[in-house]
Amino acid sequence: MYTYFPEEGTDTCKVSFDFEFVEEEDKIIIKQLTIDGEKGCIGHNKSISLLIRNRAIQDLPLEELTEAGCKKASSCSQQLSKALELLVEQRKK
């Protein structure tokens, strides 16, 4: 289990991203993602979770996720990309 919290003061709707994952060979596979947010569309959270479920972080288009903006300064997709990058970094240690 890995929980990502956006940096304090970040203008985003999401409060936390909770990941369940497994490691297989050199890949980190996301088994489940739960996004907690005070605002924003619940359907968006569910869609993102379904799109990355059972996929390796290394196979996801993280750079493209950072390009998706919203009315907030930092979109859900941008925060997701940061969370996944940090998870990969932590597992390398």
PDB file of N, CA and C in Angstrom:
ATOM      1  N   MET A   1       0.857  -1.179   0.000  1.00  0.00           N
ATOM      2  CA  MET A   1       0.000   0.000   0.000  1.00  0.00           C
ATOM      3  C   MET A   1       0.897   1.234   0.000  1.00  0.00           C
ATOM      4  N   TYR A   2       0.505   2.194  -0.766  1.00  0.00           N
ATOM      5  CA  TYR A   2       1.229   3.464  -0.856  1.00  0.00           C
ATOM      6  C   TYR A   2       0.191   4.575  -0.917  1.00  0.00           C
ATOM      7  N   THR A   3       0.338   5.597  -0.090  1.00  0.00           N
ATOM      8  CA  THR A   3      -0.569   6.741  -0.105  1.00  0.00           C
ATOM      9  C   THR A   3       0.216   7.990  -0.454  1.00  0.00           C
ATOM     10  N   TYR A   4      -0.306   8.715  -1.425  1.00  0.00           N
ATOM     11  CA  TYR A   4       0.294   9.975  -1.850  1.00  0.00           C
ATOM     12  C   TYR A   4      -0.628  11.108  -1.428  1.00  0.00           C
ATOM     13  N   PHE A   5      -0.039  12.128  -0.807  1.00  0.00           N
ATOM     14  CA  PHE A   5      -0.754  13.344  -0.446  1.00  0.00           C
ATOM     15  C   PHE A   5      -0.135  14.494  -1.231  1.00  0.00           C
ATOM     16  N   PRO A   6      -0.927  15.248  -1.994  1.00  0.00           N
ATOM     17  CA  PRO A   6      -0.369  16.420  -2.682  1.00  0.00           C
ATOM     18  C   PRO A   6       0.297  17.355  -1.670  1.00  0.00           C
ATOM     19  N   GLU A   7       1.330  18.040  -2.123  1.00  0.00           N
ATOM     20  CA  GLU A   7       2.034  18.973  -1.245  1.00  0.00           C
ATOM     21  C   GLU A   7       1.056  19.986  -0.662  1.00  0.00           C
ATOM     22  N   GLU A   8       1.274  20.330   0.595  1.00  0.00           N
ATOM     23  CA  GLU A   8       0.414  21.309   1.259  1.00  0.00           C
ATOM     24  C   GLU A   8       0.427  22.615   0.472  1.00  0.00           C
ATOM     25  N   GLY A   9      -0.744  23.169   0.268  1.00  0.00           N
ATOM     26  CA  GLY A   9      -0.859  24.416  -0.474  1.00  0.00           C
ATOM     27  C   GLY A   9      -1.072  24.231  -1.965  1.00  0.00           C
ATOM     28  N   THR A  10      -1.027  22.978  -2.448  1.00  0.00           N
ATOM     29  CA  THR A  10      -1.257  22.715  -3.868  1.00  0.00           C
ATOM     30  C   THR A  10      -2.727  22.934  -4.185  1.00  0.00           C
ATOM     31  N   ASP A  11      -3.004  23.681  -5.233  1.00  0.00           N
ATOM     32  CA  ASP A  11      -4.378  23.971  -5.653  1.00  0.00           C
ATOM     33  C   ASP A  11      -4.901  22.801  -6.477  1.00  0.00           C
ATOM     34  N   THR A  12      -5.476  21.811  -5.790  1.00  0.00           N
ATOM     35  CA  THR A  12      -6.038  20.630  -6.430  1.00  0.00           C
ATOM     36  C   THR A  12      -7.253  20.166  -5.631  1.00  0.00           C
ATOM     37  N   CYS A  13      -8.149  19.440  -6.281  1.00  0.00           N
ATOM     38  CA  CYS A  13      -9.361  18.945  -5.614  1.00  0.00           C
ATOM     39  C   CYS A  13      -9.095  17.709  -4.762  1.00  0.00           C
ATOM     40  N   LYS A  14      -8.022  17.014  -5.055  1.00  0.00           N
ATOM     41  CA  LYS A  14      -7.791  15.713  -4.436  1.00  0.00           C
ATOM     42  C   LYS A  14      -6.993  15.819  -3.144  1.00  0.00           C
ATOM     43  N   VAL A  15      -7.396  14.999  -2.172  1.00  0.00           N
ATOM     44  CA  VAL A  15      -6.770  14.996  -0.857  1.00  0.00           C
ATOM     45  C   VAL A  15      -5.703  13.905  -0.771  1.00  0.00           C
ATOM     46  N   SER A  16      -6.018  12.729  -1.338  1.00  0.00           N
ATOM     47  CA  SER A  16      -5.057  11.625  -1.289  1.00  0.00           C
ATOM     48  C   SER A  16      -5.319  10.623  -2.408  1.00  0.00           C
ATOM     49  N   PHE A  17      -4.270   9.880  -2.727  1.00  0.00           N
ATOM     50  CA  PHE A  17      -4.315   8.802  -3.709  1.00  0.00           C
ATOM     51  C   PHE A  17      -3.787   7.561  -2.994  1.00  0.00           C
ATOM     52  N   ASP A  18      -4.620   6.536  -2.851  1.00  0.00           N
ATOM     53  CA  ASP A  18      -4.217   5.294  -2.184  1.00  0.00           C
ATOM     54  C   ASP A  18      -4.043   4.198  -3.226  1.00  0.00           C
ATOM     55  N   PHE A  19      -2.831   3.665  -3.299  1.00  0.00           N
ATOM     56  CA  PHE A  19      -2.495   2.647  -4.290  1.00  0.00           C
ATOM     57  C   PHE A  19      -2.263   1.300  -3.621  1.00  0.00           C
ATOM     58  N   GLU A  20      -2.857   0.266  -4.189  1.00  0.00           N
ATOM     59  CA  GLU A  20      -2.476  -1.104  -3.869  1.00  0.00           C
ATOM     60  C   GLU A  20      -1.718  -1.581  -5.090  1.00  0.00           C
ATOM     61  N   PHE A  21      -0.550  -2.189  -4.864  1.00  0.00           N
ATOM     62  CA  PHE A  21       0.276  -2.595  -5.994  1.00  0.00           C
ATOM     63  C   PHE A  21       1.045  -3.867  -5.676  1.00  0.00           C
ATOM     64  N   VAL A  22       1.542  -4.502  -6.728  1.00  0.00           N
ATOM     65  CA  VAL A  22       2.435  -5.649  -6.597  1.00  0.00           C
ATOM     66  C   VAL A  22       3.650  -5.377  -7.466  1.00  0.00           C
ATOM     67  N   GLU A  23       4.736  -6.010  -7.104  1.00  0.00           N
ATOM     68  CA  GLU A  23       5.949  -5.888  -7.904  1.00  0.00           C
ATOM     69  C   GLU A  23       6.206  -7.221  -8.589  1.00  0.00           C
ATOM     70  N   GLU A  24       6.370  -7.164  -9.897  1.00  0.00           N
ATOM     71  CA  GLU A  24       6.656  -8.353 -10.694  1.00  0.00           C
ATOM     72  C   GLU A  24       7.862  -8.051 -11.557  1.00  0.00           C
ATOM     73  N   GLU A  25       8.933  -8.802 -11.316  1.00  0.00           N
ATOM     74  CA  GLU A  25      10.200  -8.569 -12.005  1.00  0.00           C
ATOM     75  C   GLU A  25      10.604  -7.116 -11.814  1.00  0.00           C
ATOM     76  N   ASP A  26      10.710  -6.345 -12.878  1.00  0.00           N
ATOM     77  CA  ASP A  26      11.131  -4.941 -12.755  1.00  0.00           C
ATOM     78  C   ASP A  26       9.963  -3.975 -12.924  1.00  0.00           C
ATOM     79  N   LYS A  27       8.743  -4.471 -12.760  1.00  0.00           N
ATOM     80  CA  LYS A  27       7.544  -3.649 -12.959  1.00  0.00           C
ATOM     81  C   LYS A  27       6.757  -3.500 -11.658  1.00  0.00           C
ATOM     82  N   ILE A  28       6.101  -2.356 -11.535  1.00  0.00           N
ATOM     83  CA  ILE A  28       5.172  -2.109 -10.429  1.00  0.00           C
ATOM     84  C   ILE A  28       3.779  -2.069 -11.039  1.00  0.00           C
ATOM     85  N   ILE A  29       2.949  -3.032 -10.653  1.00  0.00           N
ATOM     86  CA  ILE A  29       1.596  -3.166 -11.204  1.00  0.00           C
ATOM     87  C   ILE A  29       0.594  -2.575 -10.216  1.00  0.00           C
ATOM     88  N   ILE A  30      -0.199  -1.613 -10.688  1.00  0.00           N
ATOM     89  CA  ILE A  30      -1.250  -1.016  -9.855  1.00  0.00           C
ATOM     90  C   ILE A  30      -2.450  -1.954  -9.848  1.00  0.00           C
ATOM     91  N   LYS A  31      -2.810  -2.441  -8.679  1.00  0.00           N
ATOM     92  CA  LYS A  31      -3.962  -3.336  -8.556  1.00  0.00           C
ATOM     93  C   LYS A  31      -5.242  -2.558  -8.250  1.00  0.00           C
ATOM     94  N   GLN A  32      -5.104  -1.482  -7.496  1.00  0.00           N
ATOM     95  CA  GLN A  32      -6.274  -0.690  -7.107  1.00  0.00           C
ATOM     96  C   GLN A  32      -5.832   0.729  -6.785  1.00  0.00           C
ATOM     97  N   LEU A  33      -6.641   1.690  -7.165  1.00  0.00           N
ATOM     98  CA  LEU A  33      -6.403   3.090  -6.819  1.00  0.00           C
ATOM     99  C   LEU A  33      -7.690   3.668  -6.259  1.00  0.00           C
ATOM    100  N   THR A  34      -7.587   4.284  -5.089  1.00  0.00           N
ATOM    101  CA  THR A  34      -8.712   4.998  -4.493  1.00  0.00           C
ATOM    102  C   THR A  34      -8.291   6.451  -4.349  1.00  0.00           C
ATOM    103  N   ILE A  35      -9.085   7.339  -4.923  1.00  0.00           N
ATOM    104  CA  ILE A  35      -8.790   8.770  -4.876  1.00  0.00           C
ATOM    105  C   ILE A  35      -9.799   9.433  -3.959  1.00  0.00           C
ATOM    106  N   ASP A  36      -9.297  10.172  -2.987  1.00  0.00           N
ATOM    107  CA  ASP A  36     -10.162  10.892  -2.060  1.00  0.00           C
ATOM    108  C   ASP A  36     -10.057  12.376  -2.375  1.00  0.00           C
ATOM    109  N   GLY A  37     -11.199  12.989  -2.603  1.00  0.00           N
ATOM    110  CA  GLY A  37     -11.190  14.409  -2.904  1.00  0.00           C
ATOM    111  C   GLY A  37     -12.424  15.093  -2.385  1.00  0.00           C
ATOM    112  N   GLU A  38     -12.249  16.329  -1.966  1.00  0.00           N
ATOM    113  CA  GLU A  38     -13.365  17.091  -1.422  1.00  0.00           C
ATOM    114  C   GLU A  38     -14.268  17.643  -2.513  1.00  0.00           C
ATOM    115  N   LYS A  39     -13.696  17.836  -3.689  1.00  0.00           N
ATOM    116  CA  LYS A  39     -14.449  18.427  -4.796  1.00  0.00           C
ATOM    117  C   LYS A  39     -14.141  17.652  -6.060  1.00  0.00           C
ATOM    118  N   GLY A  40     -14.721  18.110  -7.137  1.00  0.00           N
ATOM    119  CA  GLY A  40     -14.454  17.473  -8.419  1.00  0.00           C
ATOM    120  C   GLY A  40     -15.440  16.355  -8.690  1.00  0.00           C
ATOM    121  N   CYS A  41     -15.378  15.845  -9.863  1.00  0.00           N
ATOM    122  CA  CYS A  41     -16.316  14.824 -10.329  1.00  0.00           C
ATOM    123  C   CYS A  41     -15.899  13.433  -9.853  1.00  0.00           C
ATOM    124  N   ILE A  42     -16.780  12.731  -9.171  1.00  0.00           N
ATOM    125  CA  ILE A  42     -16.496  11.377  -8.700  1.00  0.00           C
ATOM    126  C   ILE A  42     -16.293  10.429  -9.881  1.00  0.00           C
ATOM    127  N   GLY A  43     -16.963  10.711 -10.984  1.00  0.00           N
ATOM    128  CA  GLY A  43     -16.797   9.881 -12.178  1.00  0.00           C
ATOM    129  C   GLY A  43     -15.384   9.939 -12.718  1.00  0.00           C
ATOM    130  N   HIS A  44     -14.752  11.090 -12.598  1.00  0.00           N
ATOM    131  CA  HIS A  44     -13.368  11.242 -13.055  1.00  0.00           C
ATOM    132  C   HIS A  44     -12.449  10.354 -12.222  1.00  0.00           C
ATOM    133  N   ASN A  45     -12.647  10.344 -10.923  1.00  0.00           N
ATOM    134  CA  ASN A  45     -11.853   9.481 -10.039  1.00  0.00           C
ATOM    135  C   ASN A  45     -12.000   8.019 -10.429  1.00  0.00           C
ATOM    136  N   LYS A  46     -13.233   7.598 -10.667  1.00  0.00           N
ATOM    137  CA  LYS A  46     -13.488   6.206 -11.035  1.00  0.00           C
ATOM    138  C   LYS A  46     -12.860   5.872 -12.380  1.00  0.00           C
ATOM    139  N   SER A  47     -12.954   6.785 -13.332  1.00  0.00           N
ATOM    140  CA  SER A  47     -12.379   6.551 -14.661  1.00  0.00           C
ATOM    141  C   SER A  47     -10.867   6.390 -14.592  1.00  0.00           C
ATOM    142  N   ILE A  48     -10.205   7.292 -13.875  1.00  0.00           N
ATOM    143  CA  ILE A  48      -8.750   7.202 -13.729  1.00  0.00           C
ATOM    144  C   ILE A  48      -8.374   5.869 -13.083  1.00  0.00           C
ATOM    145  N   SER A  49      -9.085   5.494 -12.044  1.00  0.00           N
ATOM    146  CA  SER A  49      -8.790   4.244 -11.338  1.00  0.00           C
ATOM    147  C   SER A  49      -8.920   3.041 -12.262  1.00  0.00           C
ATOM    148  N   LEU A  50      -9.971   3.026 -13.071  1.00  0.00           N
ATOM    149  CA  LEU A  50     -10.170   1.913 -14.001  1.00  0.00           C
ATOM    150  C   LEU A  50      -9.106   1.879 -15.095  1.00  0.00           C
ATOM    151  N   LEU A  51      -8.689   3.029 -15.559  1.00  0.00           N
ATOM    152  CA  LEU A  51      -7.700   3.084 -16.640  1.00  0.00           C
ATOM    153  C   LEU A  51      -6.325   2.571 -16.227  1.00  0.00           C
ATOM    154  N   ILE A  52      -5.967   2.714 -14.966  1.00  0.00           N
ATOM    155  CA  ILE A  52      -4.631   2.268 -14.561  1.00  0.00           C
ATOM    156  C   ILE A  52      -4.631   0.919 -13.836  1.00  0.00           C
ATOM    157  N   ARG A  53      -5.802   0.400 -13.520  1.00  0.00           N
ATOM    158  CA  ARG A  53      -5.877  -0.874 -12.799  1.00  0.00           C
ATOM    159  C   ARG A  53      -5.240  -1.998 -13.613  1.00  0.00           C
ATOM    160  N   ASN A  54      -4.424  -2.789 -12.932  1.00  0.00           N
ATOM    161  CA  ASN A  54      -3.724  -3.935 -13.520  1.00  0.00           C
ATOM    162  C   ASN A  54      -2.727  -3.553 -14.605  1.00  0.00           C
ATOM    163  N   ARG A  55      -2.253  -2.323 -14.559  1.00  0.00           N
ATOM    164  CA  ARG A  55      -1.237  -1.874 -15.518  1.00  0.00           C
ATOM    165  C   ARG A  55       0.041  -1.525 -14.772  1.00  0.00           C
ATOM    166  N   ALA A  56       1.153  -1.710 -15.463  1.00  0.00           N
ATOM    167  CA  ALA A  56       2.453  -1.363 -14.890  1.00  0.00           C
ATOM    168  C   ALA A  56       2.663   0.139 -14.996  1.00  0.00           C
ATOM    169  N   ILE A  57       3.188   0.723 -13.940  1.00  0.00           N
ATOM    170  CA  ILE A  57       3.480   2.160 -13.963  1.00  0.00           C
ATOM    171  C   ILE A  57       4.400   2.480 -15.132  1.00  0.00           C
ATOM    172  N   GLN A  58       5.358   1.607 -15.367  1.00  0.00           N
ATOM    173  CA  GLN A  58       6.341   1.832 -16.419  1.00  0.00           C
ATOM    174  C   GLN A  58       5.716   1.864 -17.815  1.00  0.00           C
ATOM    175  N   ASP A  59       4.496   1.360 -17.956  1.00  0.00           N
ATOM    176  CA  ASP A  59       3.800   1.349 -19.247  1.00  0.00           C
ATOM    177  C   ASP A  59       2.784   2.480 -19.395  1.00  0.00           C
ATOM    178  N   LEU A  60       2.623   3.280 -18.363  1.00  0.00           N
ATOM    179  CA  LEU A  60       1.646   4.376 -18.404  1.00  0.00           C
ATOM    180  C   LEU A  60       2.272   5.641 -18.993  1.00  0.00           C
ATOM    181  N   PRO A  61       1.479   6.441 -19.691  1.00  0.00           N
ATOM    182  CA  PRO A  61       1.990   7.681 -20.302  1.00  0.00           C
ATOM    183  C   PRO A  61       2.062   8.832 -19.295  1.00  0.00           C
ATOM    184  N   LEU A  62       3.010   8.758 -18.372  1.00  0.00           N
ATOM    185  CA  LEU A  62       3.089   9.753 -17.295  1.00  0.00           C
ATOM    186  C   LEU A  62       3.289  11.166 -17.819  1.00  0.00           C
ATOM    187  N   GLU A  63       4.075  11.311 -18.870  1.00  0.00           N
ATOM    188  CA  GLU A  63       4.299  12.650 -19.426  1.00  0.00           C
ATOM    189  C   GLU A  63       2.995  13.242 -19.961  1.00  0.00           C
ATOM    190  N   GLU A  64       2.188  12.411 -20.602  1.00  0.00           N
ATOM    191  CA  GLU A  64       0.903  12.887 -21.124  1.00  0.00           C
ATOM    192  C   GLU A  64      -0.041  13.273 -19.986  1.00  0.00           C
ATOM    193  N   LEU A  65       0.027  12.565 -18.878  1.00  0.00           N
ATOM    194  CA  LEU A  65      -0.825  12.904 -17.734  1.00  0.00           C
ATOM    195  C   LEU A  65      -0.522  14.301 -17.215  1.00  0.00           C
ATOM    196  N   THR A  66       0.735  14.706 -17.288  1.00  0.00           N
ATOM    197  CA  THR A  66       1.101  16.034 -16.785  1.00  0.00           C
ATOM    198  C   THR A  66       0.577  17.149 -17.681  1.00  0.00           C
ATOM    199  N   GLU A  67       0.195  16.814 -18.915  1.00  0.00           N
ATOM    200  CA  GLU A  67      -0.306  17.818 -19.858  1.00  0.00           C
ATOM    201  C   GLU A  67      -1.782  18.137 -19.655  1.00  0.00           C
ATOM    202  N   ALA A  68      -2.495  17.288 -18.935  1.00  0.00           N
ATOM    203  CA  ALA A  68      -3.932  17.487 -18.734  1.00  0.00           C
ATOM    204  C   ALA A  68      -4.164  18.510 -17.626  1.00  0.00           C
ATOM    205  N   GLY A  69      -4.719  19.632 -17.979  1.00  0.00           N
ATOM    206  CA  GLY A  69      -4.992  20.680 -17.005  1.00  0.00           C
ATOM    207  C   GLY A  69      -6.442  20.679 -16.568  1.00  0.00           C
ATOM    208  N   CYS A  70      -6.768  21.589 -15.689  1.00  0.00           N
ATOM    209  CA  CYS A  70      -8.151  21.789 -15.256  1.00  0.00           C
ATOM    210  C   CYS A  70      -8.270  23.197 -14.692  1.00  0.00           C
ATOM    211  N   LYS A  71      -9.422  23.518 -14.105  1.00  0.00           N
ATOM    212  CA  LYS A  71      -9.607  24.866 -13.561  1.00  0.00           C
ATOM    213  C   LYS A  71      -8.724  25.120 -12.340  1.00  0.00           C
ATOM    214  N   LYS A  72      -8.294  24.067 -11.676  1.00  0.00           N
ATOM    215  CA  LYS A  72      -7.359  24.195 -10.558  1.00  0.00           C
ATOM    216  C   LYS A  72      -5.944  24.329 -11.117  1.00  0.00           C
ATOM    217  N   ALA A  73      -5.028  24.788 -10.301  1.00  0.00           N
ATOM    218  CA  ALA A  73      -3.640  24.953 -10.748  1.00  0.00           C
ATOM    219  C   ALA A  73      -2.965  23.612 -11.035  1.00  0.00           C
ATOM    220  N   SER A  74      -3.398  22.558 -10.344  1.00  0.00           N
ATOM    221  CA  SER A  74      -2.815  21.231 -10.539  1.00  0.00           C
ATOM    222  C   SER A  74      -3.941  20.217 -10.695  1.00  0.00           C
ATOM    223  N   SER A  75      -4.014  19.591 -11.859  1.00  0.00           N
ATOM    224  CA  SER A  75      -5.102  18.659 -12.158  1.00  0.00           C
ATOM    225  C   SER A  75      -4.914  17.317 -11.457  1.00  0.00           C
ATOM    226  N   CYS A  76      -5.979  16.531 -11.445  1.00  0.00           N
ATOM    227  CA  CYS A  76      -5.923  15.176 -10.890  1.00  0.00           C
ATOM    228  C   CYS A  76      -4.856  14.364 -11.614  1.00  0.00           C
ATOM    229  N   SER A  77      -4.823  14.500 -12.935  1.00  0.00           N
ATOM    230  CA  SER A  77      -3.858  13.747 -13.736  1.00  0.00           C
ATOM    231  C   SER A  77      -2.428  14.154 -13.418  1.00  0.00           C
ATOM    232  N   GLN A  78      -2.195  15.436 -13.212  1.00  0.00           N
ATOM    233  CA  GLN A  78      -0.852  15.894 -12.854  1.00  0.00           C
ATOM    234  C   GLN A  78      -0.442  15.343 -11.491  1.00  0.00           C
ATOM    235  N   GLN A  79      -1.361  15.336 -10.545  1.00  0.00           N
ATOM    236  CA  GLN A  79      -1.067  14.791  -9.223  1.00  0.00           C
ATOM    237  C   GLN A  79      -0.853  13.277  -9.291  1.00  0.00           C
ATOM    238  N   LEU A  80      -1.636  12.596 -10.123  1.00  0.00           N
ATOM    239  CA  LEU A  80      -1.461  11.155 -10.305  1.00  0.00           C
ATOM    240  C   LEU A  80      -0.069  10.856 -10.851  1.00  0.00           C
ATOM    241  N   SER A  81       0.350  11.611 -11.835  1.00  0.00           N
ATOM    242  CA  SER A  81       1.676  11.420 -12.419  1.00  0.00           C
ATOM    243  C   SER A  81       2.768  11.596 -11.361  1.00  0.00           C
ATOM    244  N   LYS A  82       2.658  12.634 -10.549  1.00  0.00           N
ATOM    245  CA  LYS A  82       3.635  12.857  -9.471  1.00  0.00           C
ATOM    246  C   LYS A  82       3.648  11.683  -8.499  1.00  0.00           C
ATOM    247  N   ALA A  83       2.455  11.225  -8.133  1.00  0.00           N
ATOM    248  CA  ALA A  83       2.346  10.113  -7.188  1.00  0.00           C
ATOM    249  C   ALA A  83       3.023   8.860  -7.732  1.00  0.00           C
ATOM    250  N   LEU A  84       2.781   8.560  -8.998  1.00  0.00           N
ATOM    251  CA  LEU A  84       3.363   7.359  -9.600  1.00  0.00           C
ATOM    252  C   LEU A  84       4.879   7.476  -9.731  1.00  0.00           C
ATOM    253  N   GLU A  85       5.359   8.650 -10.098  1.00  0.00           N
ATOM    254  CA  GLU A  85       6.806   8.857 -10.199  1.00  0.00           C
ATOM    255  C   GLU A  85       7.475   8.673  -8.835  1.00  0.00           C
ATOM    256  N   LEU A  86       6.863   9.204  -7.786  1.00  0.00           N
ATOM    257  CA  LEU A  86       7.415   9.048  -6.436  1.00  0.00           C
ATOM    258  C   LEU A  86       7.398   7.593  -5.981  1.00  0.00           C
ATOM    259  N   LEU A  87       6.343   6.870  -6.326  1.00  0.00           N
ATOM    260  CA  LEU A  87       6.263   5.455  -5.967  1.00  0.00           C
ATOM    261  C   LEU A  87       7.404   4.676  -6.616  1.00  0.00           C
ATOM    262  N   VAL A  88       7.650   4.924  -7.885  1.00  0.00           N
ATOM    263  CA  VAL A  88       8.750   4.248  -8.585  1.00  0.00           C
ATOM    264  C   VAL A  88      10.083   4.587  -7.918  1.00  0.00           C
ATOM    265  N   GLU A  89      10.298   5.853  -7.613  1.00  0.00           N
ATOM    266  CA  GLU A  89      11.544   6.278  -6.955  1.00  0.00           C
ATOM    267  C   GLU A  89      11.731   5.581  -5.609  1.00  0.00           C
ATOM    268  N   GLN A  90      10.666   5.510  -4.821  1.00  0.00           N
ATOM    269  CA  GLN A  90      10.756   4.896  -3.492  1.00  0.00           C
ATOM    270  C   GLN A  90      11.062   3.406  -3.576  1.00  0.00           C
ATOM    271  N   ARG A  91      10.512   2.732  -4.561  1.00  0.00           N
ATOM    272  CA  ARG A  91      10.715   1.289  -4.681  1.00  0.00           C
ATOM    273  C   ARG A  91      12.119   0.954  -5.175  1.00  0.00           C
ATOM    274  N   LYS A  92      12.775   1.893  -5.834  1.00  0.00           N
ATOM    275  CA  LYS A  92      14.144   1.673  -6.314  1.00  0.00           C
ATOM    276  C   LYS A  92      15.139   1.637  -5.164  1.00  0.00           C
ATOM    277  N   LYS A  93      14.799   2.288  -4.062  1.00  0.00           N
ATOM    278  CA  LYS A  93      15.725   2.403  -2.923  1.00  0.00           C
ATOM    279  C   LYS A  93      15.870   1.107  -2.174  1.00  0.00           C
TER     280      LYS A  93
END
